[in-house]
Amino acid sequence: MAERMPASINSDHLTLLGFAAQIATGACYALAAWDRRMLLAAAVCLAANWFGDSLDGTLARVRQRQRPRYGFYVDHMIDSIGAVAMMGGLALSGFMHPAIAVGLLIGFLLLSIQSYLATYTLGEFHLSVWRFGPTELRVLLVAGDLALFRWPSVIHGRYRLFDIGGGLGLAGMLLMLVVVSVKNTVRLYREERIL
């Protein structure tokens, strides 16, 4: 796709598309409180976010227009702001308890901080943890949006679908954070022993 991209479109355009789509996803979630069809619009916005966010760096590499520090900084600032918008929209939607949305946001930001610190201290950047990364998260959210459109509550209508999914996601994120943080701490301790 990157090789067929029109010359008038550059990686910054794709970054902006991904960012705008993530903000729009949050707005769609918030508006879904009044119209459940906005969940379908959120799924479309997530697809646009994936397109822009996944292709911007690839396009820069294909065209030999890489700016590693600029790209790293801008991508991750935009991801953080977009995550606030998306989780804020979910918190306002009525389909997820606000505490779970805030918990997921905190978990995402802590995993992000861990990733940035590992990049600085170990010289290794890993976008995914245990083969689970942004693309897989978007696929889960789109599947969740489609399921939520049909079944907002589950288990005899007693629990919100996104509360269950969000709770499981939060538990998984915290487990990843603990395991990766301990692993990196042990590695750094061994590499910088004081004799």
N, C-alpha and C. Protein backbone atom coordinates (compact mmCIF):
# COMPACT_ATOMS: atom_id res chain seq x y z
N MET A 1 0.83 -1.20 0.00
CA MET A 1 0.00 0.00 0.00
C MET A 1 0.86 1.25 0.00
N ALA A 2 1.96 1.21 0.79
CA ALA A 2 2.82 2.39 0.87
C ALA A 2 3.43 2.73 -0.48
N GLU A 3 3.79 1.72 -1.26
CA GLU A 3 4.40 1.97 -2.56
C GLU A 3 3.41 2.55 -3.56
N ARG A 4 2.13 2.32 -3.34
CA ARG A 4 1.11 2.84 -4.26
C ARG A 4 0.48 4.14 -3.78
N MET A 5 0.93 4.65 -2.64
CA MET A 5 0.37 5.87 -2.09
C MET A 5 0.70 7.06 -3.00
N PRO A 6 -0.28 7.92 -3.30
CA PRO A 6 0.00 9.09 -4.15
C PRO A 6 1.10 9.96 -3.54
N ALA A 7 1.92 10.57 -4.40
CA ALA A 7 3.05 11.38 -3.96
C ALA A 7 2.61 12.58 -3.12
N SER A 8 1.39 13.02 -3.31
CA SER A 8 0.89 14.18 -2.56
C SER A 8 0.60 13.86 -1.10
N ILE A 9 0.57 12.58 -0.75
CA ILE A 9 0.31 12.16 0.63
C ILE A 9 1.62 11.74 1.26
N ASN A 10 1.95 12.33 2.41
CA ASN A 10 3.18 11.95 3.10
C ASN A 10 2.84 11.33 4.45
N SER A 11 3.88 10.93 5.17
CA SER A 11 3.67 10.23 6.44
C SER A 11 2.98 11.11 7.48
N ASP A 12 3.22 12.43 7.45
CA ASP A 12 2.54 13.32 8.39
C ASP A 12 1.03 13.33 8.14
N HIS A 13 0.63 13.26 6.88
CA HIS A 13 -0.81 13.20 6.56
C HIS A 13 -1.44 11.95 7.17
N LEU A 14 -0.73 10.83 7.06
CA LEU A 14 -1.26 9.58 7.61
C LEU A 14 -1.30 9.63 9.13
N THR A 15 -0.29 10.25 9.74
CA THR A 15 -0.28 10.42 11.19
C THR A 15 -1.49 11.23 11.63
N LEU A 16 -1.76 12.32 10.93
CA LEU A 16 -2.92 13.16 11.25
C LEU A 16 -4.23 12.42 11.04
N LEU A 17 -4.30 11.60 9.99
CA LEU A 17 -5.50 10.79 9.77
C LEU A 17 -5.72 9.85 10.95
N GLY A 18 -4.67 9.15 11.36
CA GLY A 18 -4.78 8.23 12.48
C GLY A 18 -5.21 8.93 13.75
N PHE A 19 -4.64 10.12 14.00
CA PHE A 19 -4.97 10.89 15.19
C PHE A 19 -6.43 11.36 15.15
N ALA A 20 -6.83 11.94 14.03
CA ALA A 20 -8.21 12.42 13.90
C ALA A 20 -9.20 11.27 14.06
N ALA A 21 -8.85 10.12 13.51
CA ALA A 21 -9.74 8.95 13.61
C ALA A 21 -9.84 8.47 15.05
N GLN A 22 -8.75 8.56 15.81
CA GLN A 22 -8.80 8.12 17.21
C GLN A 22 -9.65 9.09 18.05
N ILE A 23 -9.51 10.38 17.79
CA ILE A 23 -10.35 11.37 18.48
C ILE A 23 -11.82 11.13 18.10
N ALA A 24 -12.06 10.88 16.82
CA ALA A 24 -13.42 10.62 16.35
C ALA A 24 -13.99 9.35 16.99
N THR A 25 -13.14 8.35 17.22
CA THR A 25 -13.60 7.13 17.90
C THR A 25 -14.13 7.47 19.29
N GLY A 26 -13.38 8.27 20.02
CA GLY A 26 -13.83 8.69 21.35
C GLY A 26 -15.14 9.45 21.29
N ALA A 27 -15.27 10.34 20.29
CA ALA A 27 -16.52 11.10 20.14
C ALA A 27 -17.69 10.17 19.81
N CYS A 28 -17.44 9.18 18.96
CA CYS A 28 -18.49 8.20 18.62
C CYS A 28 -18.93 7.42 19.85
N TYR A 29 -17.96 7.02 20.68
CA TYR A 29 -18.33 6.30 21.90
C TYR A 29 -19.20 7.18 22.80
N ALA A 30 -18.82 8.45 22.96
CA ALA A 30 -19.60 9.34 23.80
C ALA A 30 -21.01 9.53 23.23
N LEU A 31 -21.12 9.68 21.91
CA LEU A 31 -22.42 9.88 21.27
C LEU A 31 -23.27 8.61 21.28
N ALA A 32 -22.63 7.46 21.45
CA ALA A 32 -23.37 6.19 21.49
C ALA A 32 -24.32 6.13 22.69
N ALA A 33 -24.11 6.99 23.67
CA ALA A 33 -25.03 7.05 24.81
C ALA A 33 -26.44 7.42 24.34
N TRP A 34 -26.54 8.16 23.22
CA TRP A 34 -27.83 8.57 22.68
C TRP A 34 -28.26 7.78 21.46
N ASP A 35 -27.29 7.23 20.74
CA ASP A 35 -27.61 6.50 19.52
C ASP A 35 -26.60 5.36 19.36
N ARG A 36 -27.06 4.14 19.56
CA ARG A 36 -26.17 2.99 19.51
C ARG A 36 -25.51 2.78 18.16
N ARG A 37 -26.07 3.35 17.11
CA ARG A 37 -25.46 3.23 15.78
C ARG A 37 -24.07 3.87 15.74
N MET A 38 -23.80 4.76 16.68
CA MET A 38 -22.48 5.39 16.74
C MET A 38 -21.39 4.36 17.07
N LEU A 39 -21.78 3.21 17.62
CA LEU A 39 -20.80 2.14 17.83
C LEU A 39 -20.26 1.62 16.50
N LEU A 40 -21.13 1.58 15.49
CA LEU A 40 -20.69 1.15 14.15
C LEU A 40 -19.76 2.21 13.55
N ALA A 41 -20.07 3.48 13.80
CA ALA A 41 -19.20 4.56 13.34
C ALA A 41 -17.84 4.48 14.05
N ALA A 42 -17.85 4.11 15.32
CA ALA A 42 -16.60 3.96 16.07
C ALA A 42 -15.74 2.86 15.44
N ALA A 43 -16.37 1.79 15.00
CA ALA A 43 -15.62 0.69 14.35
C ALA A 43 -14.96 1.19 13.06
N VAL A 44 -15.68 2.01 12.29
CA VAL A 44 -15.11 2.58 11.05
C VAL A 44 -13.94 3.50 11.40
N CYS A 45 -14.11 4.31 12.44
CA CYS A 45 -13.03 5.22 12.87
C CYS A 45 -11.80 4.44 13.32
N LEU A 46 -12.01 3.33 14.00
CA LEU A 46 -10.87 2.50 14.41
C LEU A 46 -10.12 1.94 13.21
N ALA A 47 -10.86 1.58 12.16
CA ALA A 47 -10.21 1.10 10.94
C ALA A 47 -9.38 2.21 10.30
N ALA A 48 -9.92 3.44 10.28
CA ALA A 48 -9.17 4.58 9.73
C ALA A 48 -7.95 4.88 10.60
N ASN A 49 -8.10 4.74 11.91
CA ASN A 49 -6.97 4.94 12.82
C ASN A 49 -5.88 3.92 12.55
N TRP A 50 -6.27 2.67 12.36
CA TRP A 50 -5.29 1.63 12.05
C TRP A 50 -4.56 1.96 10.75
N PHE A 51 -5.29 2.36 9.73
CA PHE A 51 -4.69 2.67 8.43
C PHE A 51 -3.64 3.77 8.57
N GLY A 52 -4.01 4.88 9.18
CA GLY A 52 -3.08 6.00 9.31
C GLY A 52 -1.91 5.69 10.23
N ASP A 53 -2.20 5.10 11.38
CA ASP A 53 -1.16 4.84 12.38
C ASP A 53 -0.20 3.75 11.96
N SER A 54 -0.70 2.76 11.24
CA SER A 54 0.16 1.65 10.83
C SER A 54 0.99 1.96 9.59
N LEU A 55 0.49 2.86 8.77
CA LEU A 55 1.14 3.09 7.48
C LEU A 55 2.09 4.29 7.47
N ASP A 56 1.98 5.18 8.47
CA ASP A 56 2.79 6.40 8.42
C ASP A 56 4.30 6.10 8.43
N GLY A 57 4.74 5.26 9.35
CA GLY A 57 6.16 4.90 9.42
C GLY A 57 6.62 4.09 8.23
N THR A 58 5.74 3.20 7.76
CA THR A 58 6.08 2.39 6.58
C THR A 58 6.29 3.28 5.36
N LEU A 59 5.41 4.26 5.19
CA LEU A 59 5.53 5.18 4.06
C LEU A 59 6.84 5.96 4.13
N ALA A 60 7.20 6.41 5.33
CA ALA A 60 8.47 7.14 5.49
C ALA A 60 9.66 6.25 5.14
N ARG A 61 9.62 4.98 5.54
CA ARG A 61 10.71 4.06 5.22
C ARG A 61 10.80 3.77 3.73
N VAL A 62 9.64 3.53 3.09
CA VAL A 62 9.61 3.22 1.66
C VAL A 62 10.16 4.39 0.85
N ARG A 63 9.85 5.60 1.27
CA ARG A 63 10.30 6.78 0.53
C ARG A 63 11.65 7.32 1.01
N GLN A 64 12.25 6.62 1.96
CA GLN A 64 13.54 7.07 2.53
C GLN A 64 13.43 8.48 3.09
N ARG A 65 12.35 8.75 3.82
CA ARG A 65 12.10 10.07 4.42
C ARG A 65 11.95 9.91 5.93
N GLN A 66 12.78 9.08 6.52
CA GLN A 66 12.65 8.76 7.94
C GLN A 66 13.19 9.90 8.81
N ARG A 67 12.48 10.13 9.91
CA ARG A 67 12.91 11.06 10.95
C ARG A 67 12.65 10.34 12.27
N PRO A 68 13.59 9.50 12.69
CA PRO A 68 13.32 8.59 13.82
C PRO A 68 12.91 9.28 15.11
N ARG A 69 13.62 10.32 15.52
CA ARG A 69 13.27 10.97 16.80
C ARG A 69 11.95 11.72 16.70
N TYR A 70 11.75 12.42 15.59
CA TYR A 70 10.51 13.15 15.36
C TYR A 70 9.33 12.16 15.32
N GLY A 71 9.48 11.10 14.54
CA GLY A 71 8.42 10.11 14.42
C GLY A 71 8.09 9.44 15.75
N PHE A 72 9.13 9.08 16.50
CA PHE A 72 8.93 8.43 17.80
C PHE A 72 8.16 9.36 18.73
N TYR A 73 8.60 10.60 18.81
CA TYR A 73 7.98 11.57 19.72
C TYR A 73 6.53 11.85 19.32
N VAL A 74 6.33 12.22 18.06
CA VAL A 74 4.99 12.60 17.61
C VAL A 74 4.02 11.41 17.71
N ASP A 75 4.44 10.25 17.25
CA ASP A 75 3.57 9.06 17.31
C ASP A 75 3.11 8.77 18.74
N HIS A 76 4.02 8.83 19.67
CA HIS A 76 3.66 8.44 21.03
C HIS A 76 2.89 9.52 21.78
N MET A 77 3.15 10.78 21.47
CA MET A 77 2.32 11.83 22.06
C MET A 77 0.89 11.74 21.54
N ILE A 78 0.77 11.52 20.23
CA ILE A 78 -0.55 11.40 19.62
C ILE A 78 -1.29 10.17 20.16
N ASP A 79 -0.58 9.06 20.32
CA ASP A 79 -1.20 7.86 20.86
C ASP A 79 -1.73 8.11 22.28
N SER A 80 -0.96 8.84 23.08
CA SER A 80 -1.38 9.11 24.46
C SER A 80 -2.61 10.01 24.50
N ILE A 81 -2.59 11.08 23.70
CA ILE A 81 -3.74 11.98 23.65
C ILE A 81 -4.96 11.24 23.10
N GLY A 82 -4.75 10.45 22.06
CA GLY A 82 -5.85 9.68 21.48
C GLY A 82 -6.43 8.68 22.46
N ALA A 83 -5.58 8.07 23.27
CA ALA A 83 -6.06 7.11 24.28
C ALA A 83 -6.95 7.81 25.30
N VAL A 84 -6.57 9.03 25.69
CA VAL A 84 -7.40 9.80 26.63
C VAL A 84 -8.77 10.06 26.00
N ALA A 85 -8.78 10.46 24.72
CA ALA A 85 -10.05 10.74 24.03
C ALA A 85 -10.90 9.48 23.93
N MET A 86 -10.27 8.37 23.58
CA MET A 86 -11.02 7.13 23.39
C MET A 86 -11.59 6.61 24.71
N MET A 87 -10.77 6.57 25.75
CA MET A 87 -11.26 6.09 27.04
C MET A 87 -12.25 7.07 27.66
N GLY A 88 -12.04 8.37 27.39
CA GLY A 88 -13.01 9.36 27.86
C GLY A 88 -14.36 9.14 27.21
N GLY A 89 -14.35 8.85 25.91
CA GLY A 89 -15.60 8.56 25.20
C GLY A 89 -16.29 7.33 25.75
N LEU A 90 -15.50 6.29 26.04
CA LEU A 90 -16.09 5.08 26.62
C LEU A 90 -16.67 5.36 28.01
N ALA A 91 -15.98 6.18 28.79
CA ALA A 91 -16.46 6.51 30.13
C ALA A 91 -17.80 7.26 30.06
N LEU A 92 -17.98 8.06 29.01
CA LEU A 92 -19.22 8.83 28.86
C LEU A 92 -20.34 8.06 28.16
N SER A 93 -19.99 6.92 27.57
CA SER A 93 -20.95 6.19 26.72
C SER A 93 -22.08 5.51 27.48
N GLY A 94 -21.82 5.17 28.72
CA GLY A 94 -22.80 4.37 29.46
C GLY A 94 -22.66 2.88 29.21
N PHE A 95 -21.75 2.51 28.31
CA PHE A 95 -21.52 1.09 28.01
C PHE A 95 -20.35 0.52 28.81
N MET A 96 -19.62 1.38 29.50
CA MET A 96 -18.50 0.95 30.34
C MET A 96 -18.50 1.83 31.58
N HIS A 97 -18.29 1.21 32.73
CA HIS A 97 -18.20 2.00 33.96
C HIS A 97 -17.00 2.93 33.86
N PRO A 98 -17.17 4.21 34.23
CA PRO A 98 -16.07 5.16 34.12
C PRO A 98 -14.79 4.71 34.84
N ALA A 99 -14.93 4.01 35.96
CA ALA A 99 -13.74 3.56 36.69
C ALA A 99 -12.94 2.54 35.87
N ILE A 100 -13.62 1.70 35.11
CA ILE A 100 -12.92 0.73 34.27
C ILE A 100 -12.22 1.45 33.12
N ALA A 101 -12.90 2.45 32.53
CA ALA A 101 -12.28 3.22 31.45
C ALA A 101 -11.03 3.94 31.95
N VAL A 102 -11.11 4.55 33.12
CA VAL A 102 -9.95 5.23 33.70
C VAL A 102 -8.84 4.22 34.01
N GLY A 103 -9.22 3.07 34.53
CA GLY A 103 -8.23 2.02 34.80
C GLY A 103 -7.51 1.57 33.55
N LEU A 104 -8.27 1.40 32.46
CA LEU A 104 -7.65 1.01 31.19
C LEU A 104 -6.71 2.10 30.67
N LEU A 105 -7.11 3.35 30.83
CA LEU A 105 -6.24 4.46 30.41
C LEU A 105 -4.96 4.46 31.23
N ILE A 106 -5.07 4.30 32.53
CA ILE A 106 -3.87 4.27 33.38
C ILE A 106 -2.99 3.09 33.01
N GLY A 107 -3.60 1.92 32.78
CA GLY A 107 -2.83 0.75 32.37
C GLY A 107 -2.10 0.99 31.06
N PHE A 108 -2.78 1.60 30.08
CA PHE A 108 -2.15 1.91 28.80
C PHE A 108 -0.98 2.87 28.99
N LEU A 109 -1.20 3.92 29.78
CA LEU A 109 -0.13 4.91 29.98
C LEU A 109 1.05 4.31 30.74
N LEU A 110 0.80 3.44 31.71
CA LEU A 110 1.90 2.78 32.43
C LEU A 110 2.68 1.85 31.51
N LEU A 111 1.99 1.10 30.66
CA LEU A 111 2.69 0.25 29.69
C LEU A 111 3.50 1.09 28.70
N SER A 112 2.95 2.25 28.32
CA SER A 112 3.67 3.15 27.43
C SER A 112 4.94 3.67 28.10
N ILE A 113 4.81 4.10 29.35
CA ILE A 113 5.98 4.60 30.08
C ILE A 113 7.04 3.50 30.19
N GLN A 114 6.60 2.29 30.50
CA GLN A 114 7.53 1.17 30.57
C GLN A 114 8.27 0.99 29.26
N SER A 115 7.54 1.08 28.15
CA SER A 115 8.14 0.91 26.83
C SER A 115 9.16 2.01 26.54
N TYR A 116 8.85 3.25 26.89
CA TYR A 116 9.77 4.36 26.64
C TYR A 116 11.02 4.23 27.50
N LEU A 117 10.85 3.83 28.76
CA LEU A 117 12.01 3.65 29.64
C LEU A 117 12.89 2.50 29.17
N ALA A 118 12.27 1.43 28.68
CA ALA A 118 13.05 0.30 28.15
C ALA A 118 13.81 0.73 26.90
N THR A 119 13.18 1.57 26.08
CA THR A 119 13.86 2.08 24.88
C THR A 119 15.10 2.86 25.28
N TYR A 120 14.98 3.70 26.29
CA TYR A 120 16.10 4.53 26.73
C TYR A 120 17.18 3.71 27.45
N THR A 121 16.77 2.85 28.37
CA THR A 121 17.75 2.15 29.21
C THR A 121 18.33 0.90 28.56
N LEU A 122 17.53 0.20 27.75
CA LEU A 122 17.99 -1.04 27.14
C LEU A 122 18.30 -0.90 25.65
N GLY A 123 17.86 0.22 25.07
CA GLY A 123 18.07 0.41 23.64
C GLY A 123 17.19 -0.48 22.80
N GLU A 124 16.08 -0.94 23.37
CA GLU A 124 15.15 -1.83 22.67
C GLU A 124 13.75 -1.28 22.77
N PHE A 125 13.09 -1.17 21.62
CA PHE A 125 11.71 -0.70 21.60
C PHE A 125 10.81 -1.84 21.15
N HIS A 126 9.85 -2.18 22.00
CA HIS A 126 8.88 -3.23 21.66
C HIS A 126 7.49 -2.63 21.71
N LEU A 127 6.83 -2.59 20.55
CA LEU A 127 5.49 -2.05 20.46
C LEU A 127 4.47 -3.04 21.02
N SER A 128 4.74 -4.31 20.90
CA SER A 128 3.83 -5.35 21.36
C SER A 128 4.40 -6.05 22.58
N VAL A 129 3.51 -6.56 23.41
CA VAL A 129 3.90 -7.36 24.56
C VAL A 129 3.18 -8.69 24.42
N TRP A 130 3.94 -9.78 24.41
CA TRP A 130 3.38 -11.13 24.26
C TRP A 130 2.56 -11.23 22.96
N ARG A 131 3.08 -10.68 21.90
CA ARG A 131 2.43 -10.69 20.58
C ARG A 131 1.09 -9.97 20.57
N PHE A 132 0.88 -9.11 21.54
CA PHE A 132 -0.36 -8.34 21.60
C PHE A 132 0.01 -6.87 21.52
N GLY A 133 -0.44 -6.22 20.44
CA GLY A 133 -0.08 -4.84 20.22
C GLY A 133 -1.28 -4.02 19.78
N PRO A 134 -1.00 -2.85 19.21
CA PRO A 134 -2.07 -1.93 18.82
C PRO A 134 -3.05 -2.51 17.80
N THR A 135 -2.56 -3.28 16.84
CA THR A 135 -3.46 -3.86 15.83
C THR A 135 -4.43 -4.84 16.48
N GLU A 136 -3.91 -5.69 17.34
CA GLU A 136 -4.77 -6.67 18.03
C GLU A 136 -5.80 -5.96 18.92
N LEU A 137 -5.37 -4.88 19.56
CA LEU A 137 -6.29 -4.11 20.40
C LEU A 137 -7.42 -3.52 19.57
N ARG A 138 -7.08 -2.98 18.40
CA ARG A 138 -8.12 -2.42 17.52
C ARG A 138 -9.09 -3.50 17.05
N VAL A 139 -8.57 -4.67 16.70
CA VAL A 139 -9.44 -5.77 16.27
C VAL A 139 -10.40 -6.15 17.39
N LEU A 140 -9.89 -6.24 18.61
CA LEU A 140 -10.77 -6.55 19.75
C LEU A 140 -11.83 -5.48 19.96
N LEU A 141 -11.43 -4.21 19.83
CA LEU A 141 -12.39 -3.12 20.01
C LEU A 141 -13.47 -3.14 18.93
N VAL A 142 -13.08 -3.38 17.68
CA VAL A 142 -14.07 -3.45 16.61
C VAL A 142 -15.02 -4.61 16.85
N ALA A 143 -14.48 -5.77 17.20
CA ALA A 143 -15.34 -6.93 17.51
C ALA A 143 -16.26 -6.59 18.69
N GLY A 144 -15.70 -5.91 19.69
CA GLY A 144 -16.51 -5.50 20.84
C GLY A 144 -17.61 -4.52 20.45
N ASP A 145 -17.27 -3.56 19.56
CA ASP A 145 -18.28 -2.60 19.10
C ASP A 145 -19.44 -3.31 18.41
N LEU A 146 -19.10 -4.27 17.55
CA LEU A 146 -20.14 -5.00 16.83
C LEU A 146 -20.99 -5.84 17.78
N ALA A 147 -20.33 -6.48 18.73
CA ALA A 147 -21.07 -7.28 19.73
C ALA A 147 -21.92 -6.38 20.62
N LEU A 148 -21.36 -5.24 21.00
CA LEU A 148 -22.06 -4.31 21.88
C LEU A 148 -23.30 -3.72 21.21
N PHE A 149 -23.21 -3.53 19.92
CA PHE A 149 -24.37 -3.02 19.17
C PHE A 149 -25.56 -3.96 19.33
N ARG A 150 -25.26 -5.26 19.37
CA ARG A 150 -26.32 -6.27 19.48
C ARG A 150 -26.64 -6.62 20.94
N TRP A 151 -25.60 -6.75 21.76
CA TRP A 151 -25.78 -7.20 23.15
C TRP A 151 -25.07 -6.25 24.11
N PRO A 152 -25.69 -5.14 24.51
CA PRO A 152 -25.03 -4.23 25.45
C PRO A 152 -24.83 -4.85 26.83
N SER A 153 -25.70 -5.80 27.19
CA SER A 153 -25.59 -6.49 28.48
C SER A 153 -25.54 -7.99 28.24
N VAL A 154 -24.83 -8.67 29.12
CA VAL A 154 -24.68 -10.13 28.98
C VAL A 154 -24.96 -10.80 30.32
N ILE A 155 -24.94 -12.11 30.31
CA ILE A 155 -25.22 -12.94 31.49
C ILE A 155 -26.56 -12.52 32.10
N HIS A 156 -27.62 -12.83 31.34
CA HIS A 156 -29.00 -12.54 31.76
C HIS A 156 -29.23 -11.04 31.93
N GLY A 157 -28.49 -10.21 31.18
CA GLY A 157 -28.68 -8.76 31.23
C GLY A 157 -28.17 -8.10 32.48
N ARG A 158 -27.37 -8.81 33.26
CA ARG A 158 -26.92 -8.27 34.55
C ARG A 158 -25.62 -7.48 34.46
N TYR A 159 -24.81 -7.73 33.44
CA TYR A 159 -23.50 -7.09 33.35
C TYR A 159 -23.31 -6.45 31.99
N ARG A 160 -22.64 -5.30 31.99
CA ARG A 160 -22.32 -4.65 30.71
C ARG A 160 -21.18 -5.41 30.04
N LEU A 161 -21.33 -5.65 28.74
CA LEU A 161 -20.33 -6.39 27.98
C LEU A 161 -18.95 -5.73 28.10
N PHE A 162 -18.90 -4.40 27.96
CA PHE A 162 -17.61 -3.72 28.00
C PHE A 162 -17.03 -3.64 29.41
N ASP A 163 -17.85 -3.79 30.44
CA ASP A 163 -17.30 -3.87 31.79
C ASP A 163 -16.53 -5.18 31.96
N ILE A 164 -17.11 -6.26 31.45
CA ILE A 164 -16.43 -7.56 31.54
C ILE A 164 -15.16 -7.55 30.68
N GLY A 165 -15.29 -7.14 29.43
CA GLY A 165 -14.12 -7.07 28.55
C GLY A 165 -13.06 -6.12 29.07
N GLY A 166 -13.50 -4.97 29.56
CA GLY A 166 -12.54 -3.99 30.10
C GLY A 166 -11.85 -4.50 31.35
N GLY A 167 -12.59 -5.18 32.20
CA GLY A 167 -11.97 -5.75 33.41
C GLY A 167 -10.93 -6.80 33.07
N LEU A 168 -11.25 -7.66 32.10
CA LEU A 168 -10.27 -8.67 31.67
C LEU A 168 -9.06 -8.01 31.02
N GLY A 169 -9.32 -6.98 30.20
CA GLY A 169 -8.22 -6.25 29.56
C GLY A 169 -7.32 -5.58 30.58
N LEU A 170 -7.92 -4.98 31.59
CA LEU A 170 -7.15 -4.31 32.63
C LEU A 170 -6.30 -5.32 33.41
N ALA A 171 -6.87 -6.46 33.74
CA ALA A 171 -6.09 -7.50 34.44
C ALA A 171 -4.92 -7.96 33.58
N GLY A 172 -5.15 -8.14 32.27
CA GLY A 172 -4.07 -8.55 31.37
C GLY A 172 -2.99 -7.49 31.26
N MET A 173 -3.38 -6.22 31.19
CA MET A 173 -2.41 -5.13 31.10
C MET A 173 -1.55 -5.06 32.36
N LEU A 174 -2.18 -5.19 33.51
CA LEU A 174 -1.43 -5.13 34.75
C LEU A 174 -0.47 -6.31 34.89
N LEU A 175 -0.90 -7.49 34.45
CA LEU A 175 -0.01 -8.65 34.46
C LEU A 175 1.19 -8.41 33.55
N MET A 176 0.92 -7.90 32.33
CA MET A 176 2.02 -7.58 31.41
C MET A 176 2.98 -6.58 32.04
N LEU A 177 2.43 -5.54 32.66
CA LEU A 177 3.26 -4.49 33.26
C LEU A 177 4.17 -5.07 34.34
N VAL A 178 3.62 -5.89 35.20
CA VAL A 178 4.42 -6.47 36.29
C VAL A 178 5.50 -7.39 35.73
N VAL A 179 5.14 -8.29 34.84
CA VAL A 179 6.09 -9.26 34.30
C VAL A 179 7.23 -8.56 33.54
N VAL A 180 6.88 -7.65 32.65
CA VAL A 180 7.90 -6.97 31.85
C VAL A 180 8.76 -6.07 32.72
N SER A 181 8.17 -5.38 33.69
CA SER A 181 8.94 -4.50 34.57
C SER A 181 9.92 -5.30 35.42
N VAL A 182 9.49 -6.42 35.96
CA VAL A 182 10.38 -7.26 36.76
C VAL A 182 11.50 -7.80 35.88
N LYS A 183 11.17 -8.28 34.70
CA LYS A 183 12.17 -8.81 33.77
C LYS A 183 13.22 -7.75 33.43
N ASN A 184 12.78 -6.54 33.10
CA ASN A 184 13.72 -5.48 32.75
C ASN A 184 14.55 -5.03 33.94
N THR A 185 13.93 -4.99 35.12
CA THR A 185 14.66 -4.60 36.32
C THR A 185 15.76 -5.60 36.63
N VAL A 186 15.44 -6.89 36.56
CA VAL A 186 16.44 -7.94 36.80
C VAL A 186 17.56 -7.84 35.78
N ARG A 187 17.21 -7.63 34.52
CA ARG A 187 18.24 -7.52 33.48
C ARG A 187 19.15 -6.33 33.73
N LEU A 188 18.58 -5.18 34.05
CA LEU A 188 19.40 -3.99 34.30
C LEU A 188 20.26 -4.16 35.56
N TYR A 189 19.70 -4.82 36.57
CA TYR A 189 20.47 -5.08 37.79
C TYR A 189 21.70 -5.93 37.48
N ARG A 190 21.50 -6.98 36.68
CA ARG A 190 22.62 -7.86 36.33
C ARG A 190 23.66 -7.15 35.46
N GLU A 191 23.18 -6.27 34.55
CA GLU A 191 24.10 -5.57 33.66
C GLU A 191 24.88 -4.47 34.38
N GLU A 192 24.35 -3.97 35.49
CA GLU A 192 25.00 -2.87 36.20
C GLU A 192 25.27 -3.25 37.66
N ARG A 193 25.85 -4.40 37.84
CA ARG A 193 26.20 -4.84 39.21
C ARG A 193 27.28 -3.95 39.79
N ILE A 194 27.15 -3.68 41.07
CA ILE A 194 28.19 -2.97 41.80
C ILE A 194 29.02 -4.02 42.52
N LEU A 195 30.30 -4.09 42.16
CA LEU A 195 31.18 -5.10 42.76
C LEU A 195 31.92 -4.57 43.97
